[in-house]
Amino acid sequence: MVIALDVSDGVAVVTLNRPEARNALNSELMRALPEAMAEADGRDDVGAIVLTGADPAFCAGLDLKELGGSGDNYRSTGSGRPWAATGKPVVGAVNGAAVTGGLELALQCDFLVASDRARFADTHARVGILPGWGLTVLLPQAVGVRMAKEMSFTGNFLDAEGALAAGLVNHVVPHGRLLDTATGLARDIAGNDGDTVQALRASYGRVIGITADEGLRLEAEAQREWSTRFDPAEVARRRQAIIERGRAQTSEASGT
């Protein structure tokens, strides 16, 4: 089961569950995630959703094995979002590396709580693909245009404290307290009047969408065009170097 869904005290916890692959996004996971989010959003006993990953990673991005083979997991992006818009708030609990497509999943959340083990990177340019889930709109909103460009152009990793300083995450907590902290905030949300929370969320969405909609359209257009040109064999050739660089940067950031 590549997605786990657990509901308790008004909170649905959706967990990416491919730990052996660092929760990398293969086609199976990409089909299951929107289904789980829709199920959580549609439940009357849920007031807020927490999205997290099974340790050791939040999400390593698109599965490079599939990307360097059929490339189907990349060609199915380009929709502007990885799941249909929810009415209920989504709190991201980032337990480890959130890379490229994984970073885009995190950016789709309303706000983020990070473990002290969390690491963030945009490696689209290193892999040789363009984002299609809103990164070029949502990352500048979170950290500012200049920091977003640095992250995207270099592919360098940002540790949890750096993400906090940049405004990417709201809180950094010890790893063992991550889920309790995130679900506690989600319970605070669920304890409010649900209709009011959803109306507030929709109002934020409309205001932000005044400028974001055109950006999302342009990003999706660029991604769809690029998906007809990218070469899976080139991804396969780069795959080991990408993995090794990511491991080196996350080890440096954690001081190990």
Protein backbone atom coordinates (compact mmCIF):
# COMPACT_ATOMS: atom_id res chain seq x y z
CA MET A 1 0.00 0.00 0.00
CA VAL A 2 1.80 3.11 -1.23
CA ILE A 3 -0.47 5.50 0.71
CA ALA A 4 -1.67 5.14 4.30
CA LEU A 5 -4.71 7.06 5.54
CA ASP A 6 -5.47 7.29 9.26
CA VAL A 7 -8.23 9.39 10.87
CA SER A 8 -8.38 10.39 14.53
CA ASP A 9 -9.80 13.34 16.48
CA GLY A 10 -10.94 15.18 13.39
CA VAL A 11 -7.59 14.89 11.60
CA ALA A 12 -6.70 12.72 8.61
CA VAL A 13 -3.02 11.78 8.30
CA VAL A 14 -2.05 10.89 4.74
CA THR A 15 1.34 9.17 4.59
CA LEU A 16 3.43 8.54 1.48
CA ASN A 17 4.44 4.94 2.04
CA ARG A 18 7.31 3.86 -0.22
CA PRO A 19 10.08 4.16 2.40
CA GLU A 20 12.39 1.78 0.57
CA ALA A 21 12.40 4.27 -2.34
CA ARG A 22 12.37 7.38 -0.13
CA ASN A 23 8.72 7.83 -1.15
CA ALA A 24 9.73 8.60 -4.71
CA LEU A 25 6.83 9.35 -7.03
CA ASN A 26 6.17 6.44 -9.35
CA SER A 27 2.96 6.19 -11.35
CA GLU A 28 1.27 4.04 -8.69
CA LEU A 29 1.89 6.57 -5.94
CA MET A 30 0.88 9.45 -8.20
CA ARG A 31 -2.47 7.75 -8.83
CA ALA A 32 -3.04 6.86 -5.17
CA LEU A 33 -2.22 10.26 -3.65
CA PRO A 34 -5.08 12.29 -5.18
CA GLU A 35 -7.50 9.48 -4.33
CA ALA A 36 -6.41 9.53 -0.67
CA MET A 37 -6.58 13.32 -0.48
CA ALA A 38 -10.07 13.33 -1.97
CA GLU A 39 -11.20 10.64 0.46
CA ALA A 40 -9.83 12.58 3.43
CA ASP A 41 -11.35 15.83 2.21
CA GLY A 42 -14.75 14.24 1.71
CA ARG A 43 -15.07 12.71 5.17
CA ASP A 44 -17.48 14.39 7.58
CA ASP A 45 -15.29 13.42 10.54
CA VAL A 46 -12.23 15.25 9.15
CA GLY A 47 -11.60 18.96 9.68
CA ALA A 48 -7.98 19.11 8.57
CA ILE A 49 -5.43 16.95 6.76
CA VAL A 50 -1.78 16.23 7.57
CA LEU A 51 0.48 15.10 4.73
CA THR A 52 3.72 13.35 5.64
CA GLY A 53 6.09 10.62 4.49
CA ALA A 54 7.23 7.30 5.93
CA ASP A 55 10.77 7.75 7.30
CA PRO A 56 13.45 8.40 6.28
CA ALA A 57 12.21 10.87 3.64
CA PHE A 58 9.21 13.07 2.97
CA CYS A 59 9.48 12.56 -0.80
CA ALA A 60 12.55 12.25 -3.01
CA GLY A 61 10.68 13.53 -6.07
CA LEU A 62 9.90 11.63 -9.24
CA ASP A 63 11.14 8.05 -9.20
CA LEU A 64 14.30 8.27 -11.29
CA LYS A 65 14.11 4.62 -12.33
CA GLU A 66 10.74 5.19 -13.98
CA LEU A 67 11.74 8.65 -15.19
CA GLY A 68 14.84 7.22 -16.87
CA GLY A 69 12.83 4.34 -18.34
CA SER A 70 9.34 5.01 -19.65
CA GLY A 71 9.21 8.58 -18.35
CA ASP A 72 5.48 8.11 -17.73
CA ASN A 73 5.58 9.60 -14.23
CA TYR A 74 6.89 12.90 -15.63
CA ARG A 75 4.48 13.05 -18.53
CA SER A 76 1.54 12.76 -16.14
CA THR A 77 2.53 16.00 -14.36
CA GLY A 78 1.86 19.41 -15.82
CA SER A 79 -1.59 19.80 -14.28
CA GLY A 80 -0.59 22.60 -11.90
CA ARG A 81 -1.24 20.49 -8.82
CA PRO A 82 -0.63 16.88 -7.69
CA TRP A 83 -4.17 16.48 -6.30
CA ALA A 84 -7.50 18.19 -6.83
CA ALA A 85 -8.04 21.26 -4.65
CA THR A 86 -9.31 20.35 -1.19
CA GLY A 87 -11.76 22.37 0.83
CA LYS A 88 -10.06 21.49 4.09
CA PRO A 89 -6.64 22.84 5.14
CA VAL A 90 -3.58 20.69 4.58
CA VAL A 91 -0.65 20.80 7.02
CA GLY A 92 2.62 19.40 5.71
CA ALA A 93 4.74 17.42 8.19
CA VAL A 94 8.12 17.25 6.47
CA ASN A 95 10.04 14.43 8.12
CA GLY A 96 13.08 14.27 5.82
CA ALA A 97 14.19 15.21 2.33
CA ALA A 98 11.60 17.01 0.19
CA VAL A 99 13.19 17.15 -3.24
CA THR A 100 11.90 18.50 -6.58
CA GLY A 101 8.46 16.88 -6.98
CA GLY A 102 8.53 16.26 -3.23
CA LEU A 103 9.17 19.96 -2.68
CA GLU A 104 6.18 20.67 -4.92
CA LEU A 105 4.02 18.40 -2.74
CA ALA A 106 5.14 20.35 0.32
CA LEU A 107 4.41 23.68 -1.38
CA GLN A 108 0.84 22.56 -2.09
CA CYS A 109 0.21 22.39 1.67
CA ASP A 110 -1.23 25.41 3.45
CA PHE A 111 1.77 25.55 5.76
CA LEU A 112 4.63 23.32 6.87
CA VAL A 113 6.06 21.89 10.05
CA ALA A 114 9.56 20.49 9.60
CA SER A 115 11.56 17.92 11.49
CA ASP A 116 15.11 18.94 12.28
CA ARG A 117 16.01 16.23 9.74
CA ALA A 118 14.10 17.95 6.93
CA ARG A 119 15.96 19.05 3.82
CA PHE A 120 14.60 20.89 0.80
CA ALA A 121 15.88 21.12 -2.76
CA ASP A 122 14.73 21.84 -6.29
CA THR A 123 16.78 19.65 -8.63
CA HIS A 124 14.65 19.95 -11.76
CA ALA A 125 17.54 21.51 -13.67
CA ARG A 126 19.96 18.83 -12.49
CA VAL A 127 17.61 16.05 -13.62
CA GLY A 128 16.73 17.81 -16.88
CA ILE A 129 12.99 18.40 -16.45
CA LEU A 130 10.71 21.37 -15.81
CA PRO A 131 8.26 21.64 -12.90
CA GLY A 132 4.57 21.10 -13.54
CA TRP A 133 2.98 21.23 -10.08
CA GLY A 134 3.28 24.94 -9.39
CA LEU A 135 6.84 25.27 -8.13
CA THR A 136 7.68 28.42 -10.12
CA VAL A 137 4.61 30.11 -8.60
CA LEU A 138 4.55 28.67 -5.08
CA LEU A 139 8.26 28.68 -4.20
CA PRO A 140 8.69 32.44 -4.85
CA GLN A 141 5.54 33.05 -2.79
CA ALA A 142 7.14 31.16 0.09
CA VAL A 143 10.76 32.34 0.04
CA GLY A 144 10.89 35.29 -2.36
CA VAL A 145 11.97 35.38 -5.97
CA ARG A 146 15.73 35.63 -5.40
CA MET A 147 15.94 32.70 -2.98
CA ALA A 148 13.64 30.66 -5.24
CA LYS A 149 15.91 31.31 -8.21
CA GLU A 150 18.98 30.32 -6.20
CA MET A 151 17.35 27.05 -5.13
CA SER A 152 16.18 26.23 -8.66
CA PHE A 153 19.30 27.28 -10.54
CA THR A 154 21.81 25.59 -8.20
CA GLY A 155 19.86 22.55 -7.01
CA ASN A 156 21.50 23.01 -3.62
CA PHE A 157 19.83 21.74 -0.47
CA LEU A 158 18.38 23.95 2.27
CA ASP A 159 18.37 22.52 5.77
CA ALA A 160 15.47 22.87 8.20
CA GLU A 161 16.78 25.97 9.95
CA GLY A 162 17.56 27.60 6.62
CA ALA A 163 14.02 26.80 5.47
CA LEU A 164 12.66 28.42 8.63
CA ALA A 165 14.75 31.56 8.09
CA ALA A 166 13.63 31.75 4.45
CA GLY A 167 9.94 31.46 5.38
CA LEU A 168 9.45 28.09 3.70
CA VAL A 169 8.36 26.39 6.94
CA ASN A 170 6.47 27.67 9.97
CA HIS A 171 8.12 25.52 12.64
CA VAL A 172 11.15 23.27 13.10
CA VAL A 173 10.82 20.64 15.82
CA PRO A 174 12.80 17.59 16.97
CA HIS A 175 12.11 14.66 14.71
CA GLY A 176 10.29 12.67 17.38
CA ARG A 177 7.84 15.52 17.97
CA LEU A 178 7.02 16.22 14.33
CA LEU A 179 3.78 14.33 13.89
CA ASP A 180 2.45 15.33 17.31
CA THR A 181 3.13 18.99 16.52
CA ALA A 182 1.58 18.84 13.05
CA THR A 183 -1.50 16.92 14.18
CA GLY A 184 -1.86 19.24 17.15
CA LEU A 185 -2.05 22.21 14.81
CA ALA A 186 -4.46 20.29 12.59
CA ARG A 187 -6.66 19.58 15.62
CA ASP A 188 -6.62 23.31 16.42
CA ILE A 189 -7.93 23.89 12.90
CA ALA A 190 -10.51 21.11 13.15
CA GLY A 191 -11.75 22.56 16.45
CA ASN A 192 -12.92 25.76 14.73
CA ASP A 193 -16.13 26.19 12.78
CA GLY A 194 -15.49 24.14 9.67
CA ASP A 195 -17.51 26.24 7.27
CA THR A 196 -15.71 29.40 8.40
CA VAL A 197 -12.28 27.81 8.05
CA GLN A 198 -13.08 26.66 4.53
CA ALA A 199 -14.45 30.08 3.61
CA LEU A 200 -11.29 31.74 4.94
CA ARG A 201 -9.16 29.29 2.99
CA ALA A 202 -11.13 29.98 -0.17
CA SER A 203 -10.71 33.71 0.38
CA TYR A 204 -6.94 33.33 0.68
CA GLY A 205 -7.00 31.23 -2.47
CA ARG A 206 -8.91 33.84 -4.46
CA VAL A 207 -6.60 36.67 -3.42
CA ILE A 208 -3.43 34.69 -4.12
CA GLY A 209 -4.97 33.35 -7.33
CA ILE A 210 -5.30 36.84 -8.79
CA THR A 211 -1.63 36.65 -9.73
CA ALA A 212 -1.00 32.90 -9.48
CA ASP A 213 -3.44 31.53 -12.04
CA GLU A 214 -1.60 32.93 -15.04
CA GLY A 215 1.71 31.72 -13.62
CA LEU A 216 0.35 28.21 -13.15
CA ARG A 217 -0.99 28.23 -16.69
CA LEU A 218 2.36 29.31 -18.10
CA GLU A 219 4.29 26.75 -16.03
CA ALA A 220 1.98 23.93 -17.15
CA GLU A 221 2.33 25.02 -20.76
CA ALA A 222 6.14 24.98 -20.49
CA GLN A 223 6.14 21.60 -18.76
CA ARG A 224 3.92 19.98 -21.37
CA GLU A 225 6.13 21.26 -24.17
CA TRP A 226 9.30 20.13 -22.37
CA SER A 227 7.84 16.68 -21.69
CA THR A 228 7.82 16.02 -25.43
CA ARG A 229 11.53 16.88 -25.65
CA PHE A 230 13.16 15.43 -22.54
CA ASP A 231 15.21 12.26 -23.00
CA PRO A 232 14.67 9.46 -20.44
CA ALA A 233 18.01 7.96 -21.45
CA GLU A 234 19.75 11.16 -20.38
CA VAL A 235 18.00 10.99 -16.99
CA ALA A 236 19.16 7.38 -16.64
CA ARG A 237 22.72 8.46 -17.45
CA ARG A 238 22.67 11.18 -14.77
CA ARG A 239 20.76 9.19 -12.17
CA GLN A 240 23.64 7.93 -10.02
CA ALA A 241 25.37 11.32 -9.96
CA ILE A 242 22.11 12.99 -8.89
CA ILE A 243 21.63 10.48 -6.09
CA GLU A 244 25.22 10.80 -4.86
CA ARG A 245 25.11 14.60 -4.88
CA GLY A 246 21.86 14.60 -2.94
CA ARG A 247 23.26 12.22 -0.34
CA ALA A 248 26.40 14.33 0.02
CA GLN A 249 24.44 17.55 0.49
CA THR A 250 22.02 16.10 3.01
CA SER A 251 24.95 14.61 4.97
CA GLU A 252 26.76 17.97 4.98
CA ALA A 253 23.61 19.77 6.12
CA SER A 254 23.10 17.35 9.02
CA GLY A 255 26.76 17.43 10.01
CA THR A 256 27.25 13.70 9.52
